N, C-alpha and C. Protein backbone atom coordinates (compact mmCIF):
# COMPACT_ATOMS: atom_id res chain seq x y z
N MET A 1 267.93 -14.44 -42.04
CA MET A 1 268.94 -14.59 -41.28
C MET A 1 268.09 -13.80 -40.07
N THR A 2 269.78 -13.91 -39.35
CA THR A 2 269.63 -13.63 -37.98
C THR A 2 269.50 -11.58 -37.88
N ILE A 3 269.80 -11.20 -38.27
CA ILE A 3 269.70 -9.48 -37.92
C ILE A 3 268.29 -9.01 -37.57
N SER A 4 267.89 -8.07 -36.17
CA SER A 4 266.25 -8.00 -36.08
C SER A 4 266.29 -7.06 -37.16
N LYS A 5 264.86 -7.23 -37.56
CA LYS A 5 264.27 -5.64 -38.91
C LYS A 5 264.75 -4.62 -38.53
N GLU A 6 264.62 -4.68 -36.84
CA GLU A 6 265.20 -2.42 -36.21
C GLU A 6 266.16 -2.17 -36.10
N ASN A 7 267.54 -3.51 -36.12
CA ASN A 7 268.72 -3.43 -35.95
C ASN A 7 268.59 -2.85 -37.34
N LYS A 8 268.36 -3.36 -38.49
CA LYS A 8 268.65 -3.96 -40.15
C LYS A 8 268.57 -2.00 -40.55
N GLU A 9 267.49 -1.59 -39.53
CA GLU A 9 266.40 -0.45 -40.86
C GLU A 9 268.09 0.96 -39.89
N PHE A 10 268.10 -0.13 -38.10
CA PHE A 10 269.71 1.39 -37.97
C PHE A 10 270.28 1.01 -38.96
N ILE A 11 270.73 0.06 -39.03
CA ILE A 11 272.12 0.16 -40.11
C ILE A 11 271.89 0.61 -41.02
N ASP A 12 270.63 0.54 -42.02
CA ASP A 12 270.77 1.34 -42.73
C ASP A 12 271.09 3.12 -43.11
N SER A 13 270.50 3.12 -41.94
CA SER A 13 270.06 4.90 -41.33
C SER A 13 271.52 5.10 -40.97
N LEU A 14 272.54 3.89 -40.74
CA LEU A 14 273.18 4.23 -40.65
C LEU A 14 275.00 4.55 -41.74
N VAL A 15 274.46 3.58 -42.70
CA VAL A 15 275.14 4.40 -43.72
C VAL A 15 274.43 5.24 -44.80
N ASP A 16 273.96 5.54 -45.10
CA ASP A 16 272.58 6.38 -44.74
C ASP A 16 273.99 8.28 -44.46
N TYR A 17 273.12 8.17 -43.29
CA TYR A 17 274.19 8.88 -42.82
C TYR A 17 275.21 9.33 -43.17
N TYR A 18 276.46 8.09 -43.31
CA TYR A 18 277.15 8.54 -43.99
C TYR A 18 277.76 8.51 -45.02
N ILE A 19 276.99 7.97 -46.06
CA ILE A 19 276.62 8.60 -47.97
C ILE A 19 276.44 10.16 -47.49
N ASN A 20 275.88 10.37 -46.88
CA ASN A 20 275.77 11.83 -47.01
C ASN A 20 276.49 13.08 -45.96
N GLU A 21 277.40 12.51 -45.06
CA GLU A 21 279.11 12.49 -44.54
C GLU A 21 280.01 12.55 -44.99
N SER A 22 280.00 11.91 -46.74
CA SER A 22 281.23 11.63 -46.80
C SER A 22 282.42 12.11 -46.88
N GLU A 23 281.30 13.23 -47.48
CA GLU A 23 283.11 14.90 -47.69
C GLU A 23 283.80 15.35 -46.63
N SER A 24 282.96 14.92 -45.87
CA SER A 24 283.36 15.35 -44.66
C SER A 24 284.95 13.66 -43.90
N TYR A 25 284.04 12.90 -44.64
CA TYR A 25 285.04 11.38 -43.93
C TYR A 25 285.95 11.49 -44.96
N ARG A 26 286.76 12.57 -46.27
CA ARG A 26 287.43 11.87 -47.42
C ARG A 26 288.30 13.42 -46.90
N GLN A 27 287.53 14.49 -46.47
CA GLN A 27 288.27 15.42 -45.91
C GLN A 27 289.19 14.80 -44.73
N ILE A 28 288.31 14.12 -43.44
CA ILE A 28 289.28 13.68 -42.26
C ILE A 28 290.82 13.13 -43.05
N ALA A 29 290.81 12.36 -44.41
CA ALA A 29 291.72 11.39 -44.70
C ALA A 29 292.14 11.49 -45.37
N GLU A 30 291.89 12.78 -45.95
CA GLU A 30 293.00 13.89 -47.05
C GLU A 30 294.10 14.26 -46.43
N ASN A 31 293.88 14.47 -43.96
CA ASN A 31 294.42 14.69 -44.21
C ASN A 31 295.70 13.11 -42.94
N PHE A 32 295.37 12.37 -44.14
CA PHE A 32 296.93 11.76 -43.67
C PHE A 32 297.28 11.33 -44.89
N VAL A 33 297.74 12.31 -45.95
CA VAL A 33 297.93 12.18 -47.32
C VAL A 33 299.44 12.30 -47.16
N PRO A 34 301.22 12.16 -46.86
CA PRO A 34 301.41 11.01 -47.69
C PRO A 34 301.10 9.64 -47.27
N GLU A 35 300.50 9.57 -46.33
CA GLU A 35 300.78 8.17 -44.99
C GLU A 35 300.36 7.18 -46.05
N ILE A 36 299.14 7.58 -46.34
CA ILE A 36 297.97 7.04 -46.86
C ILE A 36 298.27 6.34 -48.76
N ARG A 37 297.96 5.92 -48.73
CA ARG A 37 298.07 5.81 -50.29
C ARG A 37 296.55 5.56 -51.12
N SER A 38 295.76 5.61 -50.77
CA SER A 38 293.64 6.71 -51.61
C SER A 38 293.36 7.43 -50.43
N ILE A 39 293.38 8.07 -50.85
CA ILE A 39 292.31 9.09 -49.48
C ILE A 39 290.52 8.18 -49.71
N ALA A 40 290.20 7.87 -51.09
CA ALA A 40 289.27 6.94 -51.43
C ALA A 40 288.83 6.21 -50.30
N ASP A 41 289.80 5.23 -50.43
CA ASP A 41 289.73 3.98 -49.60
C ASP A 41 289.30 4.04 -48.57
N THR A 42 291.02 4.88 -47.82
CA THR A 42 290.34 5.76 -46.39
C THR A 42 289.60 5.60 -46.05
N ALA A 43 288.77 7.16 -46.73
CA ALA A 43 287.61 7.08 -46.17
C ALA A 43 286.39 6.49 -45.75
N PHE A 44 286.76 5.48 -47.26
CA PHE A 44 285.76 3.66 -47.42
C PHE A 44 286.12 3.16 -45.48
N GLY A 45 287.46 3.28 -46.27
CA GLY A 45 287.13 2.65 -44.55
C GLY A 45 287.25 3.41 -42.91
N ILE A 46 286.92 4.09 -43.36
CA ILE A 46 286.73 4.90 -41.58
C ILE A 46 285.00 4.82 -41.61
N ILE A 47 284.37 5.67 -42.72
CA ILE A 47 282.89 5.00 -42.67
C ILE A 47 283.05 4.13 -43.01
N THR A 48 282.86 2.56 -42.94
CA THR A 48 282.79 1.29 -42.80
C THR A 48 283.50 1.06 -40.53
N GLY A 49 284.14 1.60 -40.60
CA GLY A 49 284.47 1.40 -39.22
C GLY A 49 283.40 2.35 -38.35
N CYS A 50 282.85 3.27 -38.49
CA CYS A 50 282.25 3.34 -38.13
C CYS A 50 280.87 2.52 -37.57
N VAL A 51 280.19 3.31 -38.77
CA VAL A 51 278.75 1.17 -38.98
C VAL A 51 279.52 0.92 -38.74
N TYR A 52 280.32 -0.39 -38.24
CA TYR A 52 280.72 -1.42 -37.54
C TYR A 52 280.61 -1.21 -35.80
N ALA A 53 281.02 -0.15 -35.85
CA ALA A 53 281.35 0.66 -34.73
C ALA A 53 279.20 0.89 -33.75
N GLY A 54 278.21 1.05 -35.16
CA GLY A 54 277.16 2.03 -34.28
C GLY A 54 276.79 -0.38 -34.89
N PHE A 55 277.23 -0.93 -34.98
CA PHE A 55 276.27 -2.09 -35.66
C PHE A 55 276.54 -3.14 -34.02
N LEU A 56 277.63 -2.74 -33.64
CA LEU A 56 277.85 -3.55 -32.48
C LEU A 56 277.59 -2.79 -31.18
N GLN A 57 277.64 -1.47 -30.62
CA GLN A 57 276.71 -0.44 -29.88
C GLN A 57 274.73 -0.66 -29.60
N ALA A 58 274.74 -1.01 -31.05
CA ALA A 58 273.39 -1.62 -31.08
C ALA A 58 273.36 -2.51 -30.08
N TYR A 59 273.83 -3.73 -30.48
CA TYR A 59 273.50 -5.14 -29.40
C TYR A 59 273.72 -5.02 -28.28
N GLN A 60 275.21 -3.79 -27.76
CA GLN A 60 275.33 -3.48 -26.63
C GLN A 60 274.42 -2.05 -25.74
N ASN A 61 273.80 -1.84 -26.74
CA ASN A 61 272.54 -1.34 -25.49
C ASN A 61 271.75 -2.41 -25.22
N GLN A 62 271.15 -3.03 -26.31
CA GLN A 62 269.70 -4.16 -25.86
C GLN A 62 270.82 -5.37 -25.55
N GLN A 63 271.82 -4.99 -24.28
CA GLN A 63 272.60 -6.45 -23.83
C GLN A 63 272.82 -8.01 -24.49
N GLN A 64 273.27 -7.73 -25.31
CA GLN A 64 273.75 -8.57 -26.71
C GLN A 64 274.83 -8.35 -27.49
N VAL A 65 275.61 -9.81 -27.69
CA VAL A 65 276.44 -9.93 -28.15
C VAL A 65 276.14 -10.59 -29.97
N PRO A 66 276.45 -10.13 -31.18
CA PRO A 66 276.35 -10.08 -32.15
C PRO A 66 277.25 -11.70 -32.20
N ASP A 67 276.20 -13.00 -32.82
CA ASP A 67 276.94 -14.57 -33.25
C ASP A 67 276.97 -14.07 -34.97
N LEU A 68 277.96 -15.29 -35.02
CA LEU A 68 278.94 -15.18 -36.27
C LEU A 68 277.95 -15.15 -37.39
N ASP A 69 276.89 -15.95 -37.41
CA ASP A 69 275.73 -14.58 -38.66
C ASP A 69 275.70 -13.60 -38.86
N ASP A 70 274.92 -13.24 -37.07
CA ASP A 70 275.21 -11.79 -37.78
C ASP A 70 275.68 -10.67 -37.95
N VAL A 71 277.34 -11.57 -37.54
CA VAL A 71 278.08 -10.30 -38.44
C VAL A 71 278.44 -10.76 -39.60
N LYS A 72 278.60 -11.88 -40.23
CA LYS A 72 278.13 -12.32 -42.11
C LYS A 72 277.42 -11.15 -43.00
N GLU A 73 276.28 -11.18 -41.92
CA GLU A 73 274.57 -10.71 -42.48
C GLU A 73 274.79 -8.84 -42.68
N PHE A 74 275.88 -8.66 -41.65
CA PHE A 74 276.04 -7.34 -41.72
C PHE A 74 277.20 -7.02 -42.57
N ASN A 75 278.06 -7.29 -42.75
CA ASN A 75 278.93 -7.70 -43.77
C ASN A 75 278.57 -8.10 -45.59
N GLN A 76 277.54 -8.52 -45.82
CA GLN A 76 277.19 -8.54 -46.45
C GLN A 76 276.25 -7.09 -47.16
N ILE A 77 275.33 -6.78 -45.44
CA ILE A 77 274.89 -5.26 -45.94
C ILE A 77 275.84 -4.48 -46.57
N MET A 78 277.01 -4.19 -45.82
CA MET A 78 278.03 -3.54 -46.20
C MET A 78 278.31 -3.48 -47.32
N LYS A 79 278.74 -5.34 -48.18
CA LYS A 79 279.48 -5.68 -49.12
C LYS A 79 278.37 -4.85 -50.77
N ASP A 80 276.79 -5.50 -50.06
CA ASP A 80 275.86 -4.29 -51.19
C ASP A 80 275.08 -2.65 -51.11
N ARG A 81 276.21 -2.09 -50.92
CA ARG A 81 275.35 -0.98 -49.93
C ARG A 81 277.42 0.02 -50.44
N ALA A 82 278.47 -0.91 -50.71
CA ALA A 82 279.57 -0.69 -50.96
C ALA A 82 279.40 0.81 -52.38
N PRO A 83 278.85 -0.08 -53.21
CA PRO A 83 279.03 1.06 -54.59
C PRO A 83 278.89 1.82 -54.12
N LEU A 84 277.34 2.10 -53.24
CA LEU A 84 276.98 4.16 -53.05
C LEU A 84 277.68 4.41 -52.16
N ILE A 85 278.62 3.90 -51.47
CA ILE A 85 279.86 4.58 -50.06
C ILE A 85 280.09 4.81 -51.19
N LYS A 86 280.56 4.60 -51.82
CA LYS A 86 282.53 4.39 -52.70
C LYS A 86 281.50 5.82 -53.75
N LYS A 87 280.58 5.44 -53.84
CA LYS A 87 280.35 6.61 -55.39
C LYS A 87 280.46 8.64 -54.68
N ALA A 88 279.87 8.38 -53.30
CA ALA A 88 279.36 9.36 -52.83
C ALA A 88 280.69 10.36 -51.95
N ILE A 89 281.77 9.00 -51.63
CA ILE A 89 282.81 9.32 -51.96
C ILE A 89 284.23 10.21 -53.06
N LEU A 90 283.42 9.83 -54.14
CA LEU A 90 284.97 10.03 -55.32
C LEU A 90 283.15 11.31 -55.92
N GLU A 91 282.54 10.89 -55.74
CA GLU A 91 281.71 12.24 -56.56
C GLU A 91 280.92 12.87 -55.53
N PRO A 92 280.49 13.76 -54.51
CA PRO A 92 279.86 13.95 -53.15
C PRO A 92 279.01 14.89 -54.20
N LYS A 93 279.29 15.51 -55.12
CA LYS A 93 278.55 17.23 -55.16
C LYS A 93 277.27 16.56 -55.99
N ILE A 94 277.91 15.57 -57.08
CA ILE A 94 276.45 14.69 -57.78
C ILE A 94 275.92 13.75 -56.71
N LEU A 95 276.35 13.48 -56.44
CA LEU A 95 274.85 12.44 -55.31
C LEU A 95 274.52 13.18 -53.97
N GLN A 96 274.99 14.59 -54.25
CA GLN A 96 273.77 15.36 -53.30
C GLN A 96 273.22 15.46 -53.73
N SER A 97 273.24 16.83 -55.25
CA SER A 97 271.88 16.54 -56.45
C SER A 97 271.37 15.75 -56.93
N ASN A 98 271.43 14.56 -56.81
CA ASN A 98 270.57 13.65 -56.92
C ASN A 98 269.62 13.93 -55.80
N GLU A 99 270.24 13.04 -54.58
CA GLU A 99 269.46 13.34 -53.17
C GLU A 99 268.42 14.24 -53.07
N LYS A 100 268.58 16.16 -53.86
CA LYS A 100 268.03 17.13 -53.76
C LYS A 100 266.62 16.92 -54.80
N GLU A 101 267.08 16.65 -55.87
CA GLU A 101 266.11 15.91 -56.66
C GLU A 101 264.92 14.83 -56.49
N LYS A 102 265.69 14.06 -55.71
CA LYS A 102 265.29 12.69 -55.13
C LYS A 102 263.65 14.02 -53.92
N ASP A 103 264.48 14.55 -52.77
CA ASP A 103 263.70 15.20 -52.41
C ASP A 103 262.50 15.42 -52.47
N ASP A 104 263.17 16.68 -53.72
CA ASP A 104 261.62 17.20 -54.72
C ASP A 104 260.19 17.06 -55.41
N ARG A 105 261.18 16.05 -55.86
CA ARG A 105 260.35 14.55 -56.12
C ARG A 105 259.23 14.06 -55.83
N GLU A 106 259.55 13.93 -54.20
CA GLU A 106 258.32 12.94 -53.71
C GLU A 106 256.99 14.26 -52.85
N ILE A 107 258.48 15.65 -52.96
CA ILE A 107 257.15 16.57 -52.25
C ILE A 107 256.03 16.92 -53.27
N ASP A 108 257.26 16.96 -54.11
CA ASP A 108 255.16 17.47 -55.11
C ASP A 108 255.48 15.94 -55.35
N LYS A 109 255.44 15.17 -56.10
CA LYS A 109 254.23 13.88 -55.01
C LYS A 109 253.28 13.74 -54.13
N ASP A 110 253.47 14.04 -52.93
CA ASP A 110 252.70 14.56 -51.78
C ASP A 110 251.93 15.71 -51.87
N GLU A 111 252.50 16.34 -53.03
CA GLU A 111 251.06 17.40 -52.63
C GLU A 111 250.02 17.72 -53.85
N LYS A 112 250.74 16.38 -55.03
CA LYS A 112 248.53 15.63 -55.30
C LYS A 112 248.26 15.41 -54.82
């Protein structure tokens, strides 16, 4: 694939950030009821758009333009992460609780 390791890591960090903040984006989507049909799908679209904007900005900061293969690879990354994004939107409290448990386990592991 063609996206650099640094840009892939950046995209992953953006997705992680938006997953952690998914409840905020769900609340933004709720402001558009009744004009929208699905709060979850609207929040998903907002998050995906934000990650895509970050992807394009990363290339612009490097004075590059993503080619078709880069965009295809970005789309695949987003498709792979889509279930996690959707789950975070639909079940934000459960996901946050699971992340805290994961962090606690990592702290315990580091202390041993």
